[in-house]
Amino acid sequence: MTYLPYPEARYQGSTGEPSAGLRRAETAPDLVNPSGTAVHYLANGASTDGQLGLYRWEMGPGRGGPDPHFHRSITESFYVLSGTIRLHDGTDWVDGHPGDFLYVPQGGVHGFRNESGEPASMLILFTPGAPREDYFERVATAAGMPENERAEFFLRHDTFWV
C-alpha cells in the first residue's frame, strides 16, 4: 500500500498547548429547522481554521433532506449514527444504516433524506471547513426568494442541483 506524506506542519511549537475544545453530548442544538431537524455545529470552519466542518444531523420521522446536488469546492461525507437514511450515491438512492459511511469528493452527485417514518441521525463532514451555517439557517427560505436571489444563494454556497 502506498501512503501519502503528511501535510506541512501548521504548529511550530515544541511543547504543545492546551487548545482542545470539548462539546458535551447534551449541548442543545445550534439550529432546529422548520422540518424539526436538529443540527449541532460540532466543529465549523471558523473554529477549525478552515480545516473541516463537522455537524450532527438529527432528523425527525418526517420526510426531509436535499435532492441530488454537487459541490465544486468541498467534499462531503456522511456517517449514519441511528435509523435509516436514504443516501444518493451519485447513481441511485440506497439505504444507509448505523455504521455506514458515504464519502463524496468535489463534483460528486449526492443527496440524503429520511423516508423511514422514524427518527434518524448522522454526522456530516465537510472539507475544507466552508461556512455552511448560513446555508443551513437560510435554505428553508430559498423557495420564497426571487429567482435571481435564490440562484445567488446557491452559487454562494457552492450548491448545484442536478
N, C-alpha and C. Protein backbone atom coordinates (compact mmCIF):
# COMPACT_ATOMS: atom_id res chain seq x y z
N MET A 1 0.84 -1.17 0.00
CA MET A 1 0.00 0.00 0.00
C MET A 1 0.89 1.24 0.00
N THR A 2 0.52 2.22 -0.79
CA THR A 2 1.25 3.47 -0.86
C THR A 2 0.57 4.49 0.04
N TYR A 3 1.36 5.17 0.85
CA TYR A 3 0.82 6.19 1.75
C TYR A 3 1.25 7.57 1.28
N LEU A 4 0.32 8.50 1.37
CA LEU A 4 0.65 9.89 1.06
C LEU A 4 1.47 10.48 2.19
N PRO A 5 2.31 11.47 1.92
CA PRO A 5 3.07 12.10 3.00
C PRO A 5 2.14 12.95 3.87
N TYR A 6 2.57 13.21 5.08
CA TYR A 6 1.84 14.10 5.97
C TYR A 6 1.86 15.52 5.39
N PRO A 7 0.82 16.30 5.66
CA PRO A 7 0.85 17.70 5.21
C PRO A 7 1.93 18.48 5.95
N GLU A 8 2.23 19.66 5.44
CA GLU A 8 3.20 20.53 6.08
C GLU A 8 2.73 20.89 7.49
N ALA A 9 3.65 20.97 8.43
CA ALA A 9 3.31 21.30 9.82
C ALA A 9 2.68 22.68 9.91
N ARG A 10 1.59 22.78 10.65
CA ARG A 10 0.93 24.07 10.88
C ARG A 10 1.28 24.61 12.26
N TYR A 11 1.64 23.73 13.17
CA TYR A 11 2.04 24.14 14.52
C TYR A 11 3.55 23.99 14.62
N GLN A 12 4.22 25.07 15.04
CA GLN A 12 5.67 25.05 15.08
C GLN A 12 6.24 24.96 16.49
N GLY A 13 5.38 24.91 17.50
CA GLY A 13 5.87 24.84 18.89
C GLY A 13 6.50 23.50 19.20
N SER A 14 7.18 23.44 20.34
CA SER A 14 7.88 22.20 20.70
C SER A 14 7.24 21.49 21.88
N THR A 15 6.29 22.13 22.57
CA THR A 15 5.73 21.50 23.77
C THR A 15 4.23 21.24 23.69
N GLY A 16 3.58 21.65 22.64
CA GLY A 16 2.13 21.51 22.56
C GLY A 16 1.46 22.60 23.38
N GLU A 17 0.14 22.68 23.29
CA GLU A 17 -0.58 23.72 24.04
C GLU A 17 -1.98 23.23 24.37
N PRO A 18 -2.59 23.77 25.41
CA PRO A 18 -3.95 23.36 25.79
C PRO A 18 -4.99 24.06 24.91
N SER A 19 -5.27 23.51 23.74
CA SER A 19 -6.15 24.19 22.80
C SER A 19 -7.34 23.32 22.35
N ALA A 20 -7.50 22.13 22.92
CA ALA A 20 -8.61 21.27 22.55
C ALA A 20 -9.93 21.85 23.04
N GLY A 21 -11.01 21.54 22.35
CA GLY A 21 -12.33 22.01 22.75
C GLY A 21 -13.28 20.83 22.88
N LEU A 22 -13.97 20.74 24.00
CA LEU A 22 -14.91 19.65 24.26
C LEU A 22 -16.33 20.17 24.14
N ARG A 23 -17.14 19.49 23.39
CA ARG A 23 -18.57 19.82 23.29
C ARG A 23 -19.31 18.61 23.85
N ARG A 24 -20.05 18.81 24.90
CA ARG A 24 -20.77 17.73 25.56
C ARG A 24 -21.96 17.26 24.73
N ALA A 25 -22.27 15.99 24.80
CA ALA A 25 -23.38 15.40 24.05
C ALA A 25 -24.71 16.07 24.36
N GLU A 26 -24.89 16.53 25.58
CA GLU A 26 -26.17 17.13 25.98
C GLU A 26 -26.32 18.59 25.57
N THR A 27 -25.32 19.16 24.90
CA THR A 27 -25.42 20.54 24.43
C THR A 27 -26.60 20.67 23.48
N ALA A 28 -27.39 21.71 23.67
CA ALA A 28 -28.57 21.95 22.82
C ALA A 28 -28.14 22.15 21.37
N PRO A 29 -28.99 21.79 20.41
CA PRO A 29 -28.64 22.01 19.01
C PRO A 29 -28.48 23.49 18.71
N ASP A 30 -27.66 23.79 17.73
CA ASP A 30 -27.45 25.17 17.30
C ASP A 30 -28.57 25.65 16.39
N LEU A 31 -29.25 24.72 15.76
CA LEU A 31 -30.32 25.06 14.82
C LEU A 31 -31.37 23.97 14.85
N VAL A 32 -32.62 24.37 14.88
CA VAL A 32 -33.74 23.46 14.64
C VAL A 32 -34.49 24.05 13.46
N ASN A 33 -34.45 23.37 12.32
CA ASN A 33 -35.06 23.94 11.12
C ASN A 33 -36.57 23.68 11.10
N PRO A 34 -37.30 24.29 10.18
CA PRO A 34 -38.76 24.15 10.16
C PRO A 34 -39.27 22.72 10.09
N SER A 35 -38.48 21.80 9.53
CA SER A 35 -38.92 20.41 9.46
C SER A 35 -38.72 19.67 10.78
N GLY A 36 -38.08 20.34 11.75
CA GLY A 36 -37.82 19.71 13.03
C GLY A 36 -36.44 19.08 13.14
N THR A 37 -35.65 19.12 12.07
CA THR A 37 -34.30 18.59 12.12
C THR A 37 -33.45 19.45 13.04
N ALA A 38 -32.75 18.80 13.97
CA ALA A 38 -31.84 19.49 14.89
C ALA A 38 -30.43 19.34 14.35
N VAL A 39 -29.71 20.46 14.27
CA VAL A 39 -28.35 20.46 13.75
C VAL A 39 -27.41 20.96 14.83
N HIS A 40 -26.39 20.17 15.12
CA HIS A 40 -25.37 20.52 16.11
C HIS A 40 -24.11 20.90 15.34
N TYR A 41 -23.63 22.11 15.54
CA TYR A 41 -22.39 22.57 14.91
C TYR A 41 -21.22 22.08 15.77
N LEU A 42 -20.78 20.88 15.55
CA LEU A 42 -19.73 20.29 16.38
C LEU A 42 -18.39 20.99 16.19
N ALA A 43 -18.04 21.23 14.94
CA ALA A 43 -16.78 21.93 14.62
C ALA A 43 -17.00 22.59 13.27
N ASN A 44 -17.03 23.91 13.25
CA ASN A 44 -17.24 24.59 11.97
C ASN A 44 -15.92 25.15 11.45
N GLY A 45 -15.97 25.67 10.24
CA GLY A 45 -14.76 26.20 9.63
C GLY A 45 -14.10 27.29 10.45
N ALA A 46 -14.91 28.12 11.10
CA ALA A 46 -14.35 29.20 11.93
C ALA A 46 -13.58 28.65 13.11
N SER A 47 -14.05 27.55 13.70
CA SER A 47 -13.38 27.01 14.89
C SER A 47 -12.24 26.07 14.55
N THR A 48 -12.10 25.68 13.27
CA THR A 48 -11.03 24.75 12.88
C THR A 48 -10.06 25.39 11.89
N ASP A 49 -10.06 26.71 11.84
CA ASP A 49 -9.18 27.44 10.92
C ASP A 49 -9.37 26.96 9.48
N GLY A 50 -10.64 26.68 9.13
CA GLY A 50 -10.96 26.29 7.77
C GLY A 50 -10.63 24.86 7.40
N GLN A 51 -10.19 24.05 8.35
CA GLN A 51 -9.78 22.69 8.04
C GLN A 51 -10.96 21.76 7.75
N LEU A 52 -12.05 21.90 8.52
CA LEU A 52 -13.18 21.00 8.36
C LEU A 52 -14.41 21.61 9.00
N GLY A 53 -15.55 21.05 8.66
CA GLY A 53 -16.81 21.35 9.33
C GLY A 53 -17.48 20.03 9.65
N LEU A 54 -17.85 19.83 10.91
CA LEU A 54 -18.48 18.57 11.35
C LEU A 54 -19.78 18.91 12.04
N TYR A 55 -20.87 18.27 11.59
CA TYR A 55 -22.21 18.57 12.08
C TYR A 55 -22.94 17.27 12.41
N ARG A 56 -23.68 17.28 13.52
CA ARG A 56 -24.57 16.15 13.85
C ARG A 56 -25.96 16.54 13.39
N TRP A 57 -26.56 15.72 12.55
CA TRP A 57 -27.83 15.98 11.91
C TRP A 57 -28.84 14.99 12.50
N GLU A 58 -29.84 15.49 13.24
CA GLU A 58 -30.84 14.63 13.88
C GLU A 58 -32.20 14.90 13.24
N MET A 59 -32.65 13.97 12.41
CA MET A 59 -33.90 14.13 11.68
C MET A 59 -35.04 13.46 12.41
N GLY A 60 -36.19 14.12 12.42
CA GLY A 60 -37.39 13.53 12.97
C GLY A 60 -37.97 12.51 12.00
N PRO A 61 -39.14 11.97 12.32
CA PRO A 61 -39.72 10.93 11.48
C PRO A 61 -40.28 11.42 10.15
N GLY A 62 -40.45 12.73 9.99
CA GLY A 62 -41.00 13.27 8.74
C GLY A 62 -39.97 13.23 7.63
N ARG A 63 -40.48 13.16 6.40
CA ARG A 63 -39.59 13.11 5.24
C ARG A 63 -38.88 14.45 5.08
N GLY A 64 -37.61 14.40 4.79
CA GLY A 64 -36.86 15.63 4.57
C GLY A 64 -35.44 15.35 4.14
N GLY A 65 -34.84 16.32 3.48
CA GLY A 65 -33.46 16.22 3.03
C GLY A 65 -33.33 16.71 1.60
N PRO A 66 -32.12 17.04 1.18
CA PRO A 66 -31.92 17.62 -0.15
C PRO A 66 -31.92 16.59 -1.28
N ASP A 67 -32.41 17.04 -2.43
CA ASP A 67 -32.35 16.25 -3.65
C ASP A 67 -30.90 16.19 -4.14
N PRO A 68 -30.62 15.37 -5.16
CA PRO A 68 -29.24 15.26 -5.66
C PRO A 68 -28.67 16.61 -6.10
N HIS A 69 -27.42 16.81 -5.71
CA HIS A 69 -26.69 18.04 -6.00
C HIS A 69 -25.20 17.74 -5.91
N PHE A 70 -24.37 18.74 -6.21
CA PHE A 70 -22.93 18.56 -6.04
C PHE A 70 -22.31 19.88 -5.61
N HIS A 71 -21.06 19.79 -5.15
CA HIS A 71 -20.27 20.95 -4.74
C HIS A 71 -18.97 20.94 -5.54
N ARG A 72 -18.50 22.11 -5.90
CA ARG A 72 -17.26 22.20 -6.66
C ARG A 72 -16.02 22.35 -5.77
N SER A 73 -16.19 22.91 -4.57
CA SER A 73 -15.02 23.25 -3.76
C SER A 73 -14.88 22.45 -2.47
N ILE A 74 -15.87 21.66 -2.11
CA ILE A 74 -15.82 20.94 -0.84
C ILE A 74 -16.19 19.47 -1.03
N THR A 75 -15.62 18.62 -0.18
CA THR A 75 -16.06 17.23 -0.10
C THR A 75 -17.14 17.17 0.97
N GLU A 76 -17.95 16.14 0.90
CA GLU A 76 -18.98 15.94 1.93
C GLU A 76 -19.02 14.45 2.25
N SER A 77 -19.05 14.14 3.53
CA SER A 77 -19.09 12.75 3.96
C SER A 77 -20.22 12.57 4.96
N PHE A 78 -20.81 11.38 4.94
CA PHE A 78 -21.94 11.05 5.81
C PHE A 78 -21.63 9.78 6.59
N TYR A 79 -21.88 9.81 7.89
CA TYR A 79 -21.73 8.63 8.74
C TYR A 79 -23.03 8.45 9.49
N VAL A 80 -23.76 7.37 9.22
CA VAL A 80 -25.06 7.15 9.83
C VAL A 80 -24.87 6.68 11.28
N LEU A 81 -25.51 7.40 12.20
CA LEU A 81 -25.45 7.07 13.62
C LEU A 81 -26.63 6.21 14.06
N SER A 82 -27.84 6.57 13.60
CA SER A 82 -29.03 5.83 14.02
C SER A 82 -30.10 5.90 12.94
N GLY A 83 -30.99 4.92 12.94
CA GLY A 83 -32.09 4.91 11.99
C GLY A 83 -31.64 4.50 10.60
N THR A 84 -32.51 4.80 9.64
CA THR A 84 -32.24 4.50 8.23
C THR A 84 -32.30 5.81 7.45
N ILE A 85 -31.23 6.14 6.75
CA ILE A 85 -31.16 7.37 5.97
C ILE A 85 -30.93 6.98 4.51
N ARG A 86 -31.78 7.51 3.64
CA ARG A 86 -31.61 7.29 2.20
C ARG A 86 -30.48 8.20 1.72
N LEU A 87 -29.48 7.60 1.11
CA LEU A 87 -28.32 8.32 0.60
C LEU A 87 -28.29 8.18 -0.92
N HIS A 88 -28.08 9.28 -1.61
CA HIS A 88 -27.89 9.21 -3.05
C HIS A 88 -26.39 9.12 -3.29
N ASP A 89 -25.96 8.03 -3.91
CA ASP A 89 -24.52 7.77 -4.09
C ASP A 89 -24.01 8.23 -5.45
N GLY A 90 -24.79 9.09 -6.13
CA GLY A 90 -24.40 9.56 -7.45
C GLY A 90 -25.07 8.79 -8.56
N THR A 91 -25.55 7.61 -8.25
CA THR A 91 -26.22 6.75 -9.22
C THR A 91 -27.66 6.45 -8.82
N ASP A 92 -27.85 6.15 -7.54
CA ASP A 92 -29.15 5.69 -7.07
C ASP A 92 -29.31 6.02 -5.59
N TRP A 93 -30.53 5.92 -5.10
CA TRP A 93 -30.80 6.06 -3.67
C TRP A 93 -30.60 4.70 -3.01
N VAL A 94 -29.83 4.67 -1.92
CA VAL A 94 -29.57 3.44 -1.16
C VAL A 94 -29.86 3.71 0.31
N ASP A 95 -30.23 2.68 1.04
CA ASP A 95 -30.47 2.83 2.48
C ASP A 95 -29.16 2.77 3.23
N GLY A 96 -28.94 3.79 4.06
CA GLY A 96 -27.78 3.81 4.94
C GLY A 96 -28.22 3.47 6.35
N HIS A 97 -27.49 2.57 7.00
CA HIS A 97 -27.80 2.11 8.35
C HIS A 97 -26.67 2.48 9.30
N PRO A 98 -26.89 2.39 10.61
CA PRO A 98 -25.82 2.76 11.56
C PRO A 98 -24.49 2.10 11.22
N GLY A 99 -23.47 2.93 11.16
CA GLY A 99 -22.12 2.47 10.81
C GLY A 99 -21.78 2.64 9.35
N ASP A 100 -22.77 2.89 8.49
CA ASP A 100 -22.50 3.10 7.06
C ASP A 100 -21.90 4.48 6.84
N PHE A 101 -21.00 4.57 5.86
CA PHE A 101 -20.26 5.80 5.57
C PHE A 101 -20.28 6.05 4.07
N LEU A 102 -20.55 7.29 3.66
CA LEU A 102 -20.53 7.69 2.26
C LEU A 102 -19.61 8.89 2.12
N TYR A 103 -18.58 8.77 1.31
CA TYR A 103 -17.66 9.87 1.01
C TYR A 103 -17.98 10.40 -0.37
N VAL A 104 -18.08 11.73 -0.50
CA VAL A 104 -18.40 12.37 -1.77
C VAL A 104 -17.31 13.41 -2.08
N PRO A 105 -16.48 13.17 -3.10
CA PRO A 105 -15.46 14.17 -3.46
C PRO A 105 -16.09 15.37 -4.17
N GLN A 106 -15.31 16.41 -4.39
CA GLN A 106 -15.79 17.57 -5.14
C GLN A 106 -16.36 17.07 -6.47
N GLY A 107 -17.52 17.60 -6.84
CA GLY A 107 -18.16 17.23 -8.09
C GLY A 107 -19.02 15.99 -8.00
N GLY A 108 -18.97 15.27 -6.90
CA GLY A 108 -19.75 14.04 -6.74
C GLY A 108 -21.22 14.35 -6.45
N VAL A 109 -22.10 13.77 -7.24
CA VAL A 109 -23.54 13.96 -7.03
C VAL A 109 -23.96 13.15 -5.79
N HIS A 110 -24.75 13.78 -4.94
CA HIS A 110 -25.20 13.13 -3.71
C HIS A 110 -26.46 13.82 -3.20
N GLY A 111 -27.09 13.20 -2.23
CA GLY A 111 -28.24 13.74 -1.54
C GLY A 111 -28.55 12.84 -0.36
N PHE A 112 -29.46 13.26 0.48
CA PHE A 112 -29.88 12.42 1.59
C PHE A 112 -31.30 12.79 1.98
N ARG A 113 -31.98 11.84 2.60
CA ARG A 113 -33.32 12.10 3.10
C ARG A 113 -33.71 11.01 4.09
N ASN A 114 -34.67 11.35 4.91
CA ASN A 114 -35.25 10.38 5.83
C ASN A 114 -36.64 10.06 5.31
N GLU A 115 -36.82 8.85 4.85
CA GLU A 115 -38.13 8.39 4.36
C GLU A 115 -38.66 7.26 5.22
N SER A 116 -38.00 6.98 6.35
CA SER A 116 -38.30 5.79 7.13
C SER A 116 -39.53 5.93 8.02
N GLY A 117 -39.95 7.16 8.30
CA GLY A 117 -41.04 7.36 9.25
C GLY A 117 -40.58 7.27 10.69
N GLU A 118 -39.29 7.10 10.90
CA GLU A 118 -38.67 7.02 12.23
C GLU A 118 -37.55 8.05 12.33
N PRO A 119 -37.20 8.49 13.53
CA PRO A 119 -36.05 9.40 13.66
C PRO A 119 -34.77 8.74 13.14
N ALA A 120 -33.85 9.57 12.68
CA ALA A 120 -32.56 9.08 12.20
C ALA A 120 -31.52 10.18 12.43
N SER A 121 -30.26 9.80 12.60
CA SER A 121 -29.21 10.79 12.80
C SER A 121 -27.94 10.36 12.09
N MET A 122 -27.12 11.38 11.80
CA MET A 122 -25.85 11.12 11.13
C MET A 122 -24.88 12.26 11.41
N LEU A 123 -23.64 12.01 11.11
CA LEU A 123 -22.62 13.05 11.10
C LEU A 123 -22.39 13.45 9.65
N ILE A 124 -22.25 14.75 9.42
CA ILE A 124 -21.89 15.26 8.10
C ILE A 124 -20.57 16.01 8.24
N LEU A 125 -19.61 15.64 7.42
CA LEU A 125 -18.27 16.24 7.45
C LEU A 125 -18.00 16.95 6.13
N PHE A 126 -17.59 18.20 6.19
CA PHE A 126 -17.18 18.96 5.02
C PHE A 126 -15.70 19.25 5.13
N THR A 127 -14.96 19.08 4.02
CA THR A 127 -13.57 19.51 3.97
C THR A 127 -13.34 20.23 2.65
N PRO A 128 -12.64 21.35 2.68
CA PRO A 128 -12.30 22.11 3.88
C PRO A 128 -13.56 22.66 4.56
N GLY A 129 -13.34 23.36 5.66
CA GLY A 129 -14.43 23.84 6.50
C GLY A 129 -15.11 25.09 5.97
N ALA A 130 -15.94 24.93 4.96
CA ALA A 130 -16.70 26.05 4.38
C ALA A 130 -17.73 26.56 5.39
N PRO A 131 -18.16 27.80 5.26
CA PRO A 131 -19.14 28.38 6.19
C PRO A 131 -20.56 27.90 5.89
N ARG A 132 -20.87 26.65 6.21
CA ARG A 132 -22.17 26.05 5.88
C ARG A 132 -23.30 26.52 6.80
N GLU A 133 -22.98 27.14 7.91
CA GLU A 133 -24.03 27.53 8.87
C GLU A 133 -25.06 28.46 8.23
N ASP A 134 -24.62 29.45 7.47
CA ASP A 134 -25.56 30.37 6.82
C ASP A 134 -26.46 29.60 5.86
N TYR A 135 -25.91 28.63 5.16
CA TYR A 135 -26.71 27.81 4.26
C TYR A 135 -27.77 27.05 5.05
N PHE A 136 -27.36 26.35 6.12
CA PHE A 136 -28.30 25.58 6.92
C PHE A 136 -29.41 26.46 7.48
N GLU A 137 -29.05 27.66 7.91
CA GLU A 137 -30.01 28.55 8.57
C GLU A 137 -30.97 29.23 7.60
N ARG A 138 -30.61 29.32 6.32
CA ARG A 138 -31.44 30.06 5.37
C ARG A 138 -32.02 29.21 4.24
N VAL A 139 -31.59 27.97 4.07
CA VAL A 139 -32.05 27.19 2.93
C VAL A 139 -33.56 26.97 2.95
N ALA A 140 -34.17 26.91 4.10
CA ALA A 140 -35.62 26.71 4.18
C ALA A 140 -36.39 27.89 3.59
N THR A 141 -35.75 29.05 3.48
CA THR A 141 -36.41 30.23 2.92
C THR A 141 -36.12 30.40 1.43
N ALA A 142 -35.29 29.55 0.85
CA ALA A 142 -34.86 29.71 -0.54
C ALA A 142 -36.04 29.65 -1.52
N ALA A 143 -37.01 28.81 -1.26
CA ALA A 143 -38.14 28.69 -2.18
C ALA A 143 -38.90 30.01 -2.32
N GLY A 144 -38.89 30.83 -1.27
CA GLY A 144 -39.59 32.11 -1.31
C GLY A 144 -38.76 33.27 -1.84
N MET A 145 -37.50 33.00 -2.18
CA MET A 145 -36.63 34.06 -2.69
C MET A 145 -36.94 34.33 -4.16
N PRO A 146 -36.78 35.58 -4.62
CA PRO A 146 -36.85 35.83 -6.07
C PRO A 146 -35.80 34.97 -6.78
N GLU A 147 -36.06 34.58 -8.01
CA GLU A 147 -35.19 33.66 -8.74
C GLU A 147 -33.73 34.10 -8.74
N ASN A 148 -33.46 35.38 -8.98
CA ASN A 148 -32.05 35.83 -9.03
C ASN A 148 -31.39 35.72 -7.65
N GLU A 149 -32.14 36.00 -6.60
CA GLU A 149 -31.60 35.90 -5.24
C GLU A 149 -31.36 34.44 -4.86
N ARG A 150 -32.29 33.55 -5.25
CA ARG A 150 -32.13 32.12 -4.97
C ARG A 150 -30.90 31.58 -5.72
N ALA A 151 -30.73 31.96 -6.98
CA ALA A 151 -29.57 31.50 -7.76
C ALA A 151 -28.27 31.97 -7.11
N GLU A 152 -28.24 33.21 -6.66
CA GLU A 152 -27.04 33.74 -6.00
C GLU A 152 -26.78 33.02 -4.68
N PHE A 153 -27.83 32.72 -3.94
CA PHE A 153 -27.70 32.00 -2.66
C PHE A 153 -27.04 30.63 -2.88
N PHE A 154 -27.54 29.85 -3.84
CA PHE A 154 -26.97 28.53 -4.08
C PHE A 154 -25.55 28.62 -4.66
N LEU A 155 -25.30 29.58 -5.52
CA LEU A 155 -23.96 29.76 -6.06
C LEU A 155 -22.97 30.12 -4.95
N ARG A 156 -23.37 31.05 -4.07
CA ARG A 156 -22.51 31.47 -2.96
C ARG A 156 -22.20 30.30 -2.03
N HIS A 157 -23.13 29.36 -1.93
CA HIS A 157 -22.94 28.22 -1.05
C HIS A 157 -22.53 26.95 -1.80
N ASP A 158 -22.00 27.14 -3.02
CA ASP A 158 -21.40 26.02 -3.76
C ASP A 158 -22.34 24.82 -3.85
N THR A 159 -23.60 25.08 -4.17
CA THR A 159 -24.60 24.02 -4.29
C THR A 159 -25.23 24.07 -5.67
N PHE A 160 -25.06 22.99 -6.43
CA PHE A 160 -25.53 22.91 -7.81
C PHE A 160 -26.45 21.70 -7.94
N TRP A 161 -27.71 21.96 -8.23
CA TRP A 161 -28.74 20.92 -8.31
C TRP A 161 -28.67 20.20 -9.65
N VAL A 162 -28.93 18.89 -9.65
CA VAL A 162 -28.93 18.11 -10.89
C VAL A 162 -30.33 17.57 -11.17
